Amino acid sequence: MMETGKFYVLDPAAKKQFIAGSPDDNSCMVKLMEQHGNSFKVLDMCYIEGDYFVEKVEMKDGTILNSMGDVDEYFELAEWEFCHFLEVDGDAPDVDTQTIHVQVNHKNAAEVIALIKATFEV
């Protein structure tokens, strides 16, 4: 569930699925997110007929987008689309994803944990 005042980014692993849900609108929103810094802060939400909607956001670069804007300012997320986004710290860098294919068992668990830590520098 998204909340007013919190920061989010589109999960890179869910990008194609998000666009497929509403190709015209969502592909435009993805372009706007890429153009204005990817992360956004939810400024306004509404509740209509049992569903929550994000209606207004502030992008990382300060651009305000909302559900009343034309195609180059339009931004609206329905509750069923929230699962495609990750909550982030407002000061955090953009989400950095890496794909690592490993088979983990008791013998190599520590090694895999070390690999993940090294990959993400934690």
PDB file of N, CA and C in Angstrom:
ATOM      1  N   MET A   1       0.835  -1.179   0.000  1.00  0.00           N
ATOM      2  CA  MET A   1       0.000   0.000   0.000  1.00  0.00           C
ATOM      3  C   MET A   1       0.884   1.249   0.000  1.00  0.00           C
ATOM      4  N   MET A   2       0.703   2.118  -0.955  1.00  0.00           N
ATOM      5  CA  MET A   2       1.453   3.367  -1.002  1.00  0.00           C
ATOM      6  C   MET A   2       0.848   4.340   0.003  1.00  0.00           C
ATOM      7  N   GLU A   3       1.676   5.281   0.450  1.00  0.00           N
ATOM      8  CA  GLU A   3       1.228   6.264   1.430  1.00  0.00           C
ATOM      9  C   GLU A   3       1.726   7.645   1.050  1.00  0.00           C
ATOM     10  N   THR A   4       0.921   8.645   1.350  1.00  0.00           N
ATOM     11  CA  THR A   4       1.299  10.035   1.130  1.00  0.00           C
ATOM     12  C   THR A   4       2.556  10.338   1.932  1.00  0.00           C
ATOM     13  N   GLY A   5       3.502  11.038   1.293  1.00  0.00           N
ATOM     14  CA  GLY A   5       4.736  11.428   1.961  1.00  0.00           C
ATOM     15  C   GLY A   5       5.871  10.436   1.825  1.00  0.00           C
ATOM     16  N   LYS A   6       5.599   9.260   1.312  1.00  0.00           N
ATOM     17  CA  LYS A   6       6.657   8.260   1.145  1.00  0.00           C
ATOM     18  C   LYS A   6       7.181   8.277  -0.288  1.00  0.00           C
ATOM     19  N   PHE A   7       8.380   7.712  -0.460  1.00  0.00           N
ATOM     20  CA  PHE A   7       9.081   7.717  -1.740  1.00  0.00           C
ATOM     21  C   PHE A   7       9.073   6.315  -2.359  1.00  0.00           C
ATOM     22  N   TYR A   8       8.950   6.276  -3.682  1.00  0.00           N
ATOM     23  CA  TYR A   8       8.866   4.999  -4.390  1.00  0.00           C
ATOM     24  C   TYR A   8       9.631   5.062  -5.709  1.00  0.00           C
ATOM     25  N   VAL A   9       9.998   3.875  -6.198  1.00  0.00           N
ATOM     26  CA  VAL A   9      10.575   3.716  -7.534  1.00  0.00           C
ATOM     27  C   VAL A   9       9.902   2.509  -8.176  1.00  0.00           C
ATOM     28  N   LEU A  10       9.878   2.509  -9.490  1.00  0.00           N
ATOM     29  CA  LEU A  10       9.383   1.347 -10.224  1.00  0.00           C
ATOM     30  C   LEU A  10      10.408   0.233 -10.069  1.00  0.00           C
ATOM     31  N   ASP A  11       9.968  -0.929  -9.656  1.00  0.00           N
ATOM     32  CA  ASP A  11      10.837  -2.093  -9.535  1.00  0.00           C
ATOM     33  C   ASP A  11      11.296  -2.474 -10.943  1.00  0.00           C
ATOM     34  N   PRO A  12      12.599  -2.417 -11.221  1.00  0.00           N
ATOM     35  CA  PRO A  12      13.070  -2.747 -12.573  1.00  0.00           C
ATOM     36  C   PRO A  12      12.615  -4.123 -13.050  1.00  0.00           C
ATOM     37  N   ALA A  13      12.470  -5.062 -12.128  1.00  0.00           N
ATOM     38  CA  ALA A  13      12.034  -6.403 -12.501  1.00  0.00           C
ATOM     39  C   ALA A  13      10.561  -6.440 -12.901  1.00  0.00           C
ATOM     40  N   ALA A  14       9.789  -5.411 -12.545  1.00  0.00           N
ATOM     41  CA  ALA A  14       8.353  -5.370 -12.832  1.00  0.00           C
ATOM     42  C   ALA A  14       8.001  -4.385 -13.944  1.00  0.00           C
ATOM     43  N   LYS A  15       8.996  -3.767 -14.549  1.00  0.00           N
ATOM     44  CA  LYS A  15       8.746  -2.721 -15.544  1.00  0.00           C
ATOM     45  C   LYS A  15       7.879  -3.209 -16.703  1.00  0.00           C
ATOM     46  N   LYS A  16       8.217  -4.336 -17.294  1.00  0.00           N
ATOM     47  CA  LYS A  16       7.457  -4.853 -18.444  1.00  0.00           C
ATOM     48  C   LYS A  16       6.021  -5.187 -18.050  1.00  0.00           C
ATOM     49  N   GLN A  17       5.861  -5.781 -16.893  1.00  0.00           N
ATOM     50  CA  GLN A  17       4.517  -6.137 -16.425  1.00  0.00           C
ATOM     51  C   GLN A  17       3.689  -4.883 -16.145  1.00  0.00           C
ATOM     52  N   PHE A  18       4.312  -3.862 -15.561  1.00  0.00           N
ATOM     53  CA  PHE A  18       3.620  -2.598 -15.296  1.00  0.00           C
ATOM     54  C   PHE A  18       3.145  -1.974 -16.607  1.00  0.00           C
ATOM     55  N   ILE A  19       4.015  -1.909 -17.595  1.00  0.00           N
ATOM     56  CA  ILE A  19       3.644  -1.332 -18.893  1.00  0.00           C
ATOM     57  C   ILE A  19       2.527  -2.144 -19.541  1.00  0.00           C
ATOM     58  N   ALA A  20       2.609  -3.468 -19.463  1.00  0.00           N
ATOM     59  CA  ALA A  20       1.601  -4.336 -20.084  1.00  0.00           C
ATOM     60  C   ALA A  20       0.207  -4.123 -19.492  1.00  0.00           C
ATOM     61  N   GLY A  21       0.121  -3.668 -18.240  1.00  0.00           N
ATOM     62  CA  GLY A  21      -1.173  -3.454 -17.600  1.00  0.00           C
ATOM     63  C   GLY A  21      -1.995  -2.355 -18.237  1.00  0.00           C
ATOM     64  N   SER A  22      -1.344  -1.375 -18.810  1.00  0.00           N
ATOM     65  CA  SER A  22      -2.016  -0.258 -19.499  1.00  0.00           C
ATOM     66  C   SER A  22      -0.972   0.374 -20.416  1.00  0.00           C
ATOM     67  N   PRO A  23      -0.708  -0.261 -21.554  1.00  0.00           N
ATOM     68  CA  PRO A  23       0.438   0.112 -22.387  1.00  0.00           C
ATOM     69  C   PRO A  23       0.574   1.599 -22.730  1.00  0.00           C
ATOM     70  N   ASP A  24      -0.487   2.259 -23.136  1.00  0.00           N
ATOM     71  CA  ASP A  24      -0.369   3.667 -23.528  1.00  0.00           C
ATOM     72  C   ASP A  24       0.006   4.559 -22.347  1.00  0.00           C
ATOM     73  N   ASP A  25      -0.813   4.524 -21.291  1.00  0.00           N
ATOM     74  CA  ASP A  25      -0.569   5.402 -20.141  1.00  0.00           C
ATOM     75  C   ASP A  25       0.698   5.026 -19.384  1.00  0.00           C
ATOM     76  N   ASN A  26       0.875   3.739 -19.120  1.00  0.00           N
ATOM     77  CA  ASN A  26       2.008   3.337 -18.290  1.00  0.00           C
ATOM     78  C   ASN A  26       3.349   3.500 -18.993  1.00  0.00           C
ATOM     79  N   SER A  27       3.396   3.308 -20.305  1.00  0.00           N
ATOM     80  CA  SER A  27       4.666   3.539 -21.003  1.00  0.00           C
ATOM     81  C   SER A  27       5.023   5.021 -20.961  1.00  0.00           C
ATOM     82  N   CYS A  28       4.031   5.890 -21.045  1.00  0.00           N
ATOM     83  CA  CYS A  28       4.290   7.332 -20.915  1.00  0.00           C
ATOM     84  C   CYS A  28       4.778   7.669 -19.513  1.00  0.00           C
ATOM     85  N   MET A  29       4.170   7.054 -18.495  1.00  0.00           N
ATOM     86  CA  MET A  29       4.604   7.321 -17.120  1.00  0.00           C
ATOM     87  C   MET A  29       6.021   6.819 -16.878  1.00  0.00           C
ATOM     88  N   VAL A  30       6.376   5.679 -17.458  1.00  0.00           N
ATOM     89  CA  VAL A  30       7.745   5.161 -17.317  1.00  0.00           C
ATOM     90  C   VAL A  30       8.732   6.155 -17.926  1.00  0.00           C
ATOM     91  N   LYS A  31       8.408   6.685 -19.089  1.00  0.00           N
ATOM     92  CA  LYS A  31       9.276   7.686 -19.722  1.00  0.00           C
ATOM     93  C   LYS A  31       9.411   8.923 -18.844  1.00  0.00           C
ATOM     94  N   LEU A  32       8.296   9.361 -18.245  1.00  0.00           N
ATOM     95  CA  LEU A  32       8.352  10.520 -17.346  1.00  0.00           C
ATOM     96  C   LEU A  32       9.218  10.227 -16.121  1.00  0.00           C
ATOM     97  N   MET A  33       9.088   9.026 -15.571  1.00  0.00           N
ATOM     98  CA  MET A  33       9.912   8.661 -14.410  1.00  0.00           C
ATOM     99  C   MET A  33      11.393   8.666 -14.792  1.00  0.00           C
ATOM    100  N   GLU A  34      11.717   8.119 -15.942  1.00  0.00           N
ATOM    101  CA  GLU A  34      13.112   8.093 -16.386  1.00  0.00           C
ATOM    102  C   GLU A  34      13.626   9.504 -16.639  1.00  0.00           C
ATOM    103  N   GLN A  35      12.792  10.346 -17.182  1.00  0.00           N
ATOM    104  CA  GLN A  35      13.174  11.721 -17.503  1.00  0.00           C
ATOM    105  C   GLN A  35      13.374  12.579 -16.253  1.00  0.00           C
ATOM    106  N   HIS A  36      12.609  12.299 -15.204  1.00  0.00           N
ATOM    107  CA  HIS A  36      12.624  13.174 -14.026  1.00  0.00           C
ATOM    108  C   HIS A  36      13.248  12.539 -12.779  1.00  0.00           C
ATOM    109  N   GLY A  37      14.022  11.488 -12.963  1.00  0.00           N
ATOM    110  CA  GLY A  37      14.805  10.982 -11.836  1.00  0.00           C
ATOM    111  C   GLY A  37      14.337   9.690 -11.207  1.00  0.00           C
ATOM    112  N   ASN A  38      13.384   8.993 -11.796  1.00  0.00           N
ATOM    113  CA  ASN A  38      12.906   7.677 -11.360  1.00  0.00           C
ATOM    114  C   ASN A  38      12.133   7.665 -10.043  1.00  0.00           C
ATOM    115  N   SER A  39      12.680   8.188  -8.964  1.00  0.00           N
ATOM    116  CA  SER A  39      11.945   8.117  -7.707  1.00  0.00           C
ATOM    117  C   SER A  39      10.961   9.277  -7.598  1.00  0.00           C
ATOM    118  N   PHE A  40       9.913   9.034  -6.813  1.00  0.00           N
ATOM    119  CA  PHE A  40       8.906  10.067  -6.608  1.00  0.00           C
ATOM    120  C   PHE A  40       8.350   9.988  -5.201  1.00  0.00           C
ATOM    121  N   LYS A  41       7.833  11.127  -4.756  1.00  0.00           N
ATOM    122  CA  LYS A  41       7.164  11.233  -3.462  1.00  0.00           C
ATOM    123  C   LYS A  41       5.673  11.367  -3.725  1.00  0.00           C
ATOM    124  N   VAL A  42       4.864  10.563  -3.041  1.00  0.00           N
ATOM    125  CA  VAL A  42       3.412  10.645  -3.192  1.00  0.00           C
ATOM    126  C   VAL A  42       2.911  11.881  -2.449  1.00  0.00           C
ATOM    127  N   LEU A  43       2.250  12.771  -3.195  1.00  0.00           N
ATOM    128  CA  LEU A  43       1.707  13.993  -2.604  1.00  0.00           C
ATOM    129  C   LEU A  43       0.218  13.905  -2.313  1.00  0.00           C
ATOM    130  N   ASP A  44      -0.516  13.157  -3.144  1.00  0.00           N
ATOM    131  CA  ASP A  44      -1.968  13.110  -2.965  1.00  0.00           C
ATOM    132  C   ASP A  44      -2.508  11.764  -3.430  1.00  0.00           C
ATOM    133  N   MET A  45      -3.450  11.250  -2.650  1.00  0.00           N
ATOM    134  CA  MET A  45      -4.124  10.001  -2.985  1.00  0.00           C
ATOM    135  C   MET A  45      -5.625  10.195  -2.813  1.00  0.00           C
ATOM    136  N   CYS A  46      -6.390   9.323  -3.447  1.00  0.00           N
ATOM    137  CA  CYS A  46      -7.840   9.354  -3.247  1.00  0.00           C
ATOM    138  C   CYS A  46      -8.346   7.918  -3.151  1.00  0.00           C
ATOM    139  N   TYR A  47      -9.582   7.795  -2.701  1.00  0.00           N
ATOM    140  CA  TYR A  47     -10.230   6.496  -2.547  1.00  0.00           C
ATOM    141  C   TYR A  47     -11.529   6.559  -3.330  1.00  0.00           C
ATOM    142  N   ILE A  48     -11.625   5.748  -4.396  1.00  0.00           N
ATOM    143  CA  ILE A  48     -12.800   5.763  -5.264  1.00  0.00           C
ATOM    144  C   ILE A  48     -13.345   4.349  -5.405  1.00  0.00           C
ATOM    145  N   GLU A  49     -14.587   4.176  -5.034  1.00  0.00           N
ATOM    146  CA  GLU A  49     -15.291   2.901  -5.204  1.00  0.00           C
ATOM    147  C   GLU A  49     -14.475   1.703  -4.744  1.00  0.00           C
ATOM    148  N   GLY A  50     -13.875   1.816  -3.573  1.00  0.00           N
ATOM    149  CA  GLY A  50     -13.154   0.697  -2.976  1.00  0.00           C
ATOM    150  C   GLY A  50     -11.694   0.557  -3.340  1.00  0.00           C
ATOM    151  N   ASP A  51     -11.162   1.461  -4.153  1.00  0.00           N
ATOM    152  CA  ASP A  51      -9.761   1.378  -4.545  1.00  0.00           C
ATOM    153  C   ASP A  51      -9.029   2.690  -4.266  1.00  0.00           C
ATOM    154  N   TYR A  52      -7.760   2.565  -3.888  1.00  0.00           N
ATOM    155  CA  TYR A  52      -6.910   3.741  -3.688  1.00  0.00           C
ATOM    156  C   TYR A  52      -6.202   4.076  -5.002  1.00  0.00           C
ATOM    157  N   PHE A  53      -5.975   5.369  -5.195  1.00  0.00           N
ATOM    158  CA  PHE A  53      -5.261   5.854  -6.368  1.00  0.00           C
ATOM    159  C   PHE A  53      -4.254   6.913  -5.946  1.00  0.00           C
ATOM    160  N   VAL A  54      -3.052   6.862  -6.522  1.00  0.00           N
ATOM    161  CA  VAL A  54      -2.086   7.944  -6.370  1.00  0.00           C
ATOM    162  C   VAL A  54      -2.413   8.940  -7.468  1.00  0.00           C
ATOM    163  N   GLU A  55      -2.697  10.191  -7.066  1.00  0.00           N
ATOM    164  CA  GLU A  55      -3.125  11.200  -8.035  1.00  0.00           C
ATOM    165  C   GLU A  55      -2.114  12.309  -8.287  1.00  0.00           C
ATOM    166  N   LYS A  56      -1.145  12.454  -7.376  1.00  0.00           N
ATOM    167  CA  LYS A  56      -0.181  13.542  -7.540  1.00  0.00           C
ATOM    168  C   LYS A  56       1.139  13.140  -6.898  1.00  0.00           C
ATOM    169  N   VAL A  57       2.242  13.364  -7.638  1.00  0.00           N
ATOM    170  CA  VAL A  57       3.565  13.014  -7.133  1.00  0.00           C
ATOM    171  C   VAL A  57       4.554  14.143  -7.413  1.00  0.00           C
ATOM    172  N   GLU A  58       5.612  14.155  -6.634  1.00  0.00           N
ATOM    173  CA  GLU A  58       6.750  15.037  -6.900  1.00  0.00           C
ATOM    174  C   GLU A  58       7.920  14.144  -7.269  1.00  0.00           C
ATOM    175  N   MET A  59       8.441  14.345  -8.470  1.00  0.00           N
ATOM    176  CA  MET A  59       9.557  13.538  -8.940  1.00  0.00           C
ATOM    177  C   MET A  59      10.851  13.975  -8.256  1.00  0.00           C
ATOM    178  N   LYS A  60      11.871  13.159  -8.374  1.00  0.00           N
ATOM    179  CA  LYS A  60      13.164  13.416  -7.730  1.00  0.00           C
ATOM    180  C   LYS A  60      13.721  14.794  -8.092  1.00  0.00           C
ATOM    181  N   ASP A  61      13.482  15.239  -9.349  1.00  0.00           N
ATOM    182  CA  ASP A  61      14.009  16.540  -9.775  1.00  0.00           C
ATOM    183  C   ASP A  61      13.090  17.714  -9.420  1.00  0.00           C
ATOM    184  N   GLY A  62      11.998  17.435  -8.683  1.00  0.00           N
ATOM    185  CA  GLY A  62      11.087  18.491  -8.253  1.00  0.00           C
ATOM    186  C   GLY A  62       9.875  18.687  -9.154  1.00  0.00           C
ATOM    187  N   THR A  63       9.827  18.020 -10.289  1.00  0.00           N
ATOM    188  CA  THR A  63       8.688  18.126 -11.204  1.00  0.00           C
ATOM    189  C   THR A  63       7.445  17.529 -10.553  1.00  0.00           C
ATOM    190  N   ILE A  64       6.328  18.238 -10.650  1.00  0.00           N
ATOM    191  CA  ILE A  64       5.056  17.757 -10.129  1.00  0.00           C
ATOM    192  C   ILE A  64       4.256  17.156 -11.283  1.00  0.00           C
ATOM    193  N   LEU A  65       3.799  15.922 -11.096  1.00  0.00           N
ATOM    194  CA  LEU A  65       2.972  15.236 -12.083  1.00  0.00           C
ATOM    195  C   LEU A  65       1.675  14.825 -11.399  1.00  0.00           C
ATOM    196  N   ASN A  66       0.565  14.811 -12.153  1.00  0.00           N
ATOM    197  CA  ASN A  66      -0.709  14.432 -11.546  1.00  0.00           C
ATOM    198  C   ASN A  66      -1.671  13.820 -12.546  1.00  0.00           C
ATOM    199  N   SER A  67      -2.794  13.352 -12.038  1.00  0.00           N
ATOM    200  CA  SER A  67      -3.782  12.661 -12.860  1.00  0.00           C
ATOM    201  C   SER A  67      -4.582  13.605 -13.745  1.00  0.00           C
ATOM    202  N   MET A  68      -4.455  14.909 -13.543  1.00  0.00           N
ATOM    203  CA  MET A  68      -5.173  15.880 -14.357  1.00  0.00           C
ATOM    204  C   MET A  68      -4.306  16.423 -15.492  1.00  0.00           C
ATOM    205  N   GLY A  69      -3.052  16.027 -15.534  1.00  0.00           N
ATOM    206  CA  GLY A  69      -2.135  16.542 -16.543  1.00  0.00           C
ATOM    207  C   GLY A  69      -2.366  15.933 -17.914  1.00  0.00           C
ATOM    208  N   ASP A  70      -1.870  16.617 -18.934  1.00  0.00           N
ATOM    209  CA  ASP A  70      -1.932  16.033 -20.268  1.00  0.00           C
ATOM    210  C   ASP A  70      -0.822  14.988 -20.383  1.00  0.00           C
ATOM    211  N   VAL A  71      -0.611  14.435 -21.544  1.00  0.00           N
ATOM    212  CA  VAL A  71       0.261  13.278 -21.695  1.00  0.00           C
ATOM    213  C   VAL A  71       1.690  13.505 -21.189  1.00  0.00           C
ATOM    214  N   ASP A  72       2.198  14.715 -21.264  1.00  0.00           N
ATOM    215  CA  ASP A  72       3.563  14.957 -20.795  1.00  0.00           C
ATOM    216  C   ASP A  72       3.630  15.331 -19.322  1.00  0.00           C
ATOM    217  N   GLU A  73       2.507  15.259 -18.617  1.00  0.00           N
ATOM    218  CA  GLU A  73       2.478  15.508 -17.174  1.00  0.00           C
ATOM    219  C   GLU A  73       1.580  14.519 -16.438  1.00  0.00           C
ATOM    220  N   TYR A  74       1.025  13.541 -17.149  1.00  0.00           N
ATOM    221  CA  TYR A  74       0.051  12.618 -16.563  1.00  0.00           C
ATOM    222  C   TYR A  74       0.729  11.572 -15.700  1.00  0.00           C
ATOM    223  N   PHE A  75       0.206  11.409 -14.478  1.00  0.00           N
ATOM    224  CA  PHE A  75       0.707  10.379 -13.573  1.00  0.00           C
ATOM    225  C   PHE A  75      -0.432   9.957 -12.662  1.00  0.00           C
ATOM    226  N   GLU A  76      -0.777   8.690 -12.722  1.00  0.00           N
ATOM    227  CA  GLU A  76      -1.806   8.134 -11.851  1.00  0.00           C
ATOM    228  C   GLU A  76      -1.544   6.654 -11.683  1.00  0.00           C
ATOM    229  N   LEU A  77      -1.607   6.199 -10.450  1.00  0.00           N
ATOM    230  CA  LEU A  77      -1.416   4.782 -10.170  1.00  0.00           C
ATOM    231  C   LEU A  77      -2.637   4.251  -9.443  1.00  0.00           C
ATOM    232  N   ALA A  78      -3.135   3.126  -9.900  1.00  0.00           N
ATOM    233  CA  ALA A  78      -4.240   2.452  -9.231  1.00  0.00           C
ATOM    234  C   ALA A  78      -3.675   1.462  -8.219  1.00  0.00           C
ATOM    235  N   GLU A  79      -4.480   1.143  -7.237  1.00  0.00           N
ATOM    236  CA  GLU A  79      -4.045   0.266  -6.152  1.00  0.00           C
ATOM    237  C   GLU A  79      -3.459  -1.048  -6.667  1.00  0.00           C
ATOM    238  N   TRP A  80      -4.023  -1.613  -7.722  1.00  0.00           N
ATOM    239  CA  TRP A  80      -3.532  -2.887  -8.253  1.00  0.00           C
ATOM    240  C   TRP A  80      -2.178  -2.740  -8.936  1.00  0.00           C
ATOM    241  N   GLU A  81      -1.709  -1.503  -9.136  1.00  0.00           N
ATOM    242  CA  GLU A  81      -0.390  -1.277  -9.730  1.00  0.00           C
ATOM    243  C   GLU A  81       0.696  -1.039  -8.676  1.00  0.00           C
ATOM    244  N   PHE A  82       0.300  -0.838  -7.434  1.00  0.00           N
ATOM    245  CA  PHE A  82       1.264  -0.530  -6.379  1.00  0.00           C
ATOM    246  C   PHE A  82       2.313  -1.625  -6.227  1.00  0.00           C
ATOM    247  N   CYS A  83       1.955  -2.861  -6.539  1.00  0.00           N
ATOM    248  CA  CYS A  83       2.879  -3.987  -6.362  1.00  0.00           C
ATOM    249  C   CYS A  83       4.100  -3.896  -7.276  1.00  0.00           C
ATOM    250  N   HIS A  84       4.067  -3.034  -8.270  1.00  0.00           N
ATOM    251  CA  HIS A  84       5.186  -2.882  -9.198  1.00  0.00           C
ATOM    252  C   HIS A  84       6.226  -1.869  -8.700  1.00  0.00           C
ATOM    253  N   PHE A  85       6.007  -1.314  -7.525  1.00  0.00           N
ATOM    254  CA  PHE A  85       6.871  -0.256  -7.010  1.00  0.00           C
ATOM    255  C   PHE A  85       7.488  -0.656  -5.682  1.00  0.00           C
ATOM    256  N   LEU A  86       8.664  -0.097  -5.426  1.00  0.00           N
ATOM    257  CA  LEU A  86       9.394  -0.346  -4.191  1.00  0.00           C
ATOM    258  C   LEU A  86       9.480   0.949  -3.399  1.00  0.00           C
ATOM    259  N   GLU A  87       9.256   0.854  -2.100  1.00  0.00           N
ATOM    260  CA  GLU A  87       9.436   2.032  -1.244  1.00  0.00           C
ATOM    261  C   GLU A  87      10.926   2.246  -1.028  1.00  0.00           C
ATOM    262  N   VAL A  88      11.368   3.496  -1.117  1.00  0.00           N
ATOM    263  CA  VAL A  88      12.779   3.829  -0.920  1.00  0.00           C
ATOM    264  C   VAL A  88      12.902   5.010   0.029  1.00  0.00           C
ATOM    265  N   ASP A  89      14.095   5.176   0.557  1.00  0.00           N
ATOM    266  CA  ASP A  89      14.414   6.348   1.357  1.00  0.00           C
ATOM    267  C   ASP A  89      14.512   7.527   0.394  1.00  0.00           C
ATOM    268  N   GLY A  90      13.961   8.661   0.756  1.00  0.00           N
ATOM    269  CA  GLY A  90      13.964   9.823  -0.126  1.00  0.00           C
ATOM    270  C   GLY A  90      15.350  10.276  -0.545  1.00  0.00           C
ATOM    271  N   ASP A  91      16.368  10.007   0.277  1.00  0.00           N
ATOM    272  CA  ASP A  91      17.736  10.413  -0.037  1.00  0.00           C
ATOM    273  C   ASP A  91      18.551   9.290  -0.677  1.00  0.00           C
ATOM    274  N   ALA A  92      17.929   8.134  -0.841  1.00  0.00           N
ATOM    275  CA  ALA A  92      18.660   6.987  -1.375  1.00  0.00           C
ATOM    276  C   ALA A  92      18.884   7.139  -2.873  1.00  0.00           C
ATOM    277  N   PRO A  93      19.951   6.560  -3.369  1.00  0.00           N
ATOM    278  CA  PRO A  93      20.159   6.564  -4.825  1.00  0.00           C
ATOM    279  C   PRO A  93      19.111   5.677  -5.480  1.00  0.00           C
ATOM    280  N   ASP A  94      19.012   5.758  -6.795  1.00  0.00           N
ATOM    281  CA  ASP A  94      18.070   4.919  -7.521  1.00  0.00           C
ATOM    282  C   ASP A  94      18.351   3.447  -7.246  1.00  0.00           C
ATOM    283  N   VAL A  95      17.314   2.639  -7.361  1.00  0.00           N
ATOM    284  CA  VAL A  95      17.448   1.213  -7.101  1.00  0.00           C
ATOM    285  C   VAL A  95      18.443   0.600  -8.083  1.00  0.00           C
ATOM    286  N   ASP A  96      19.393  -0.133  -7.521  1.00  0.00           N
ATOM    287  CA  ASP A  96      20.397  -0.808  -8.333  1.00  0.00           C
ATOM    288  C   ASP A  96      20.141  -2.300  -8.215  1.00  0.00           C
ATOM    289  N   THR A  97      19.721  -2.919  -9.277  1.00  0.00           N
ATOM    290  CA  THR A  97      19.463  -4.352  -9.218  1.00  0.00           C
ATOM    291  C   THR A  97      20.552  -5.109  -9.955  1.00  0.00           C
ATOM    292  N   GLN A  98      20.846  -6.266  -9.440  1.00  0.00           N
ATOM    293  CA  GLN A  98      21.800  -7.179 -10.047  1.00  0.00           C
ATOM    294  C   GLN A  98      21.142  -8.540 -10.102  1.00  0.00           C
ATOM    295  N   THR A  99      21.404  -9.298 -11.131  1.00  0.00           N
ATOM    296  CA  THR A  99      20.896 -10.655 -11.219  1.00  0.00           C
ATOM    297  C   THR A  99      22.040 -11.604 -10.922  1.00  0.00           C
ATOM    298  N   ILE A 100      21.827 -12.424  -9.917  1.00  0.00           N
ATOM    299  CA  ILE A 100      22.825 -13.411  -9.524  1.00  0.00           C
ATOM    300  C   ILE A 100      22.118 -14.760  -9.486  1.00  0.00           C
ATOM    301  N   HIS A 101      22.606 -15.699 -10.243  1.00  0.00           N
ATOM    302  CA  HIS A 101      22.025 -17.042 -10.248  1.00  0.00           C
ATOM    303  C   HIS A 101      22.921 -17.948  -9.414  1.00  0.00           C
ATOM    304  N   VAL A 102      22.373 -18.427  -8.310  1.00  0.00           N
ATOM    305  CA  VAL A 102      23.142 -19.309  -7.430  1.00  0.00           C
ATOM    306  C   VAL A 102      22.248 -20.434  -6.926  1.00  0.00           C
ATOM    307  N   GLN A 103      22.886 -21.508  -6.574  1.00  0.00           N
ATOM    308  CA  GLN A 103      22.210 -22.587  -5.879  1.00  0.00           C
ATOM    309  C   GLN A 103      22.784 -22.595  -4.473  1.00  0.00           C
ATOM    310  N   VAL A 104      21.893 -22.449  -3.515  1.00  0.00           N
ATOM    311  CA  VAL A 104      22.337 -22.320  -2.131  1.00  0.00           C
ATOM    312  C   VAL A 104      22.006 -23.587  -1.354  1.00  0.00           C
ATOM    313  N   ASN A 105      23.002 -24.040  -0.578  1.00  0.00           N
ATOM    314  CA  ASN A 105      22.791 -25.152   0.342  1.00  0.00           C
ATOM    315  C   ASN A 105      23.550 -24.842   1.629  1.00  0.00           C
ATOM    316  N   HIS A 106      23.484 -25.729   2.571  1.00  0.00           N
ATOM    317  CA  HIS A 106      24.149 -25.485   3.862  1.00  0.00           C
ATOM    318  C   HIS A 106      25.657 -25.301   3.718  1.00  0.00           C
ATOM    319  N   LYS A 107      26.262 -25.968   2.770  1.00  0.00           N
ATOM    320  CA  LYS A 107      27.707 -25.905   2.610  1.00  0.00           C
ATOM    321  C   LYS A 107      28.179 -24.580   2.012  1.00  0.00           C
ATOM    322  N   ASN A 108      27.371 -23.959   1.138  1.00  0.00           N
ATOM    323  CA  ASN A 108      27.838 -22.727   0.483  1.00  0.00           C
ATOM    324  C   ASN A 108      27.068 -21.467   0.895  1.00  0.00           C
ATOM    325  N   ALA A 109      26.223 -21.567   1.903  1.00  0.00           N
ATOM    326  CA  ALA A 109      25.399 -20.427   2.313  1.00  0.00           C
ATOM    327  C   ALA A 109      26.247 -19.208   2.687  1.00  0.00           C
ATOM    328  N   ALA A 110      27.301 -19.409   3.450  1.00  0.00           N
ATOM    329  CA  ALA A 110      28.153 -18.281   3.856  1.00  0.00           C
ATOM    330  C   ALA A 110      28.827 -17.651   2.636  1.00  0.00           C
ATOM    331  N   GLU A 111      29.246 -18.484   1.700  1.00  0.00           N
ATOM    332  CA  GLU A 111      29.884 -17.993   0.482  1.00  0.00           C
ATOM    333  C   GLU A 111      28.905 -17.156  -0.358  1.00  0.00           C
ATOM    334  N   VAL A 112      27.669 -17.602  -0.455  1.00  0.00           N
ATOM    335  CA  VAL A 112      26.655 -16.868  -1.224  1.00  0.00           C
ATOM    336  C   VAL A 112      26.332 -15.538  -0.531  1.00  0.00           C
ATOM    337  N   ILE A 113      26.230 -15.553   0.765  1.00  0.00           N
ATOM    338  CA  ILE A 113      25.985 -14.308   1.514  1.00  0.00           C
ATOM    339  C   ILE A 113      27.132 -13.335   1.272  1.00  0.00           C
ATOM    340  N   ALA A 114      28.356 -13.809   1.297  1.00  0.00           N
ATOM    341  CA  ALA A 114      29.522 -12.949   1.035  1.00  0.00           C
ATOM    342  C   ALA A 114      29.474 -12.385  -0.388  1.00  0.00           C
ATOM    343  N   LEU A 115      29.043 -13.192  -1.345  1.00  0.00           N
ATOM    344  CA  LEU A 115      28.916 -12.747  -2.718  1.00  0.00           C
ATOM    345  C   LEU A 115      27.890 -11.612  -2.832  1.00  0.00           C
ATOM    346  N   ILE A 116      26.747 -11.789  -2.201  1.00  0.00           N
ATOM    347  CA  ILE A 116      25.699 -10.757  -2.232  1.00  0.00           C
ATOM    348  C   ILE A 116      26.195  -9.477  -1.557  1.00  0.00           C
ATOM    349  N   LYS A 117      26.835  -9.590  -0.413  1.00  0.00           N
ATOM    350  CA  LYS A 117      27.365  -8.420   0.279  1.00  0.00           C
ATOM    351  C   LYS A 117      28.394  -7.689  -0.588  1.00  0.00           C
ATOM    352  N   ALA A 118      29.258  -8.439  -1.236  1.00  0.00           N
ATOM    353  CA  ALA A 118      30.277  -7.840  -2.081  1.00  0.00           C
ATOM    354  C   ALA A 118      29.642  -7.152  -3.296  1.00  0.00           C
ATOM    355  N   THR A 119      28.618  -7.768  -3.875  1.00  0.00           N
ATOM    356  CA  THR A 119      27.954  -7.215  -5.042  1.00  0.00           C
ATOM    357  C   THR A 119      27.318  -5.863  -4.728  1.00  0.00           C
ATOM    358  N   PHE A 120      26.707  -5.757  -3.549  1.00  0.00           N
ATOM    359  CA  PHE A 120      26.003  -4.536  -3.169  1.00  0.00           C
ATOM    360  C   PHE A 120      26.789  -3.662  -2.198  1.00  0.00           C
ATOM    361  N   GLU A 121      28.030  -4.017  -1.974  1.00  0.00           N
ATOM    362  CA  GLU A 121      28.929  -3.241  -1.110  1.00  0.00           C
ATOM    363  C   GLU A 121      28.316  -2.944   0.257  1.00  0.00           C
ATOM    364  N   VAL A 122      27.781  -3.993   0.898  1.00  0.00           N
ATOM    365  CA  VAL A 122      27.214  -3.852   2.256  1.00  0.00           C
ATOM    366  C   VAL A 122      28.029  -4.641   3.247  1.00  0.00           C
TER     367      VAL A 122
END
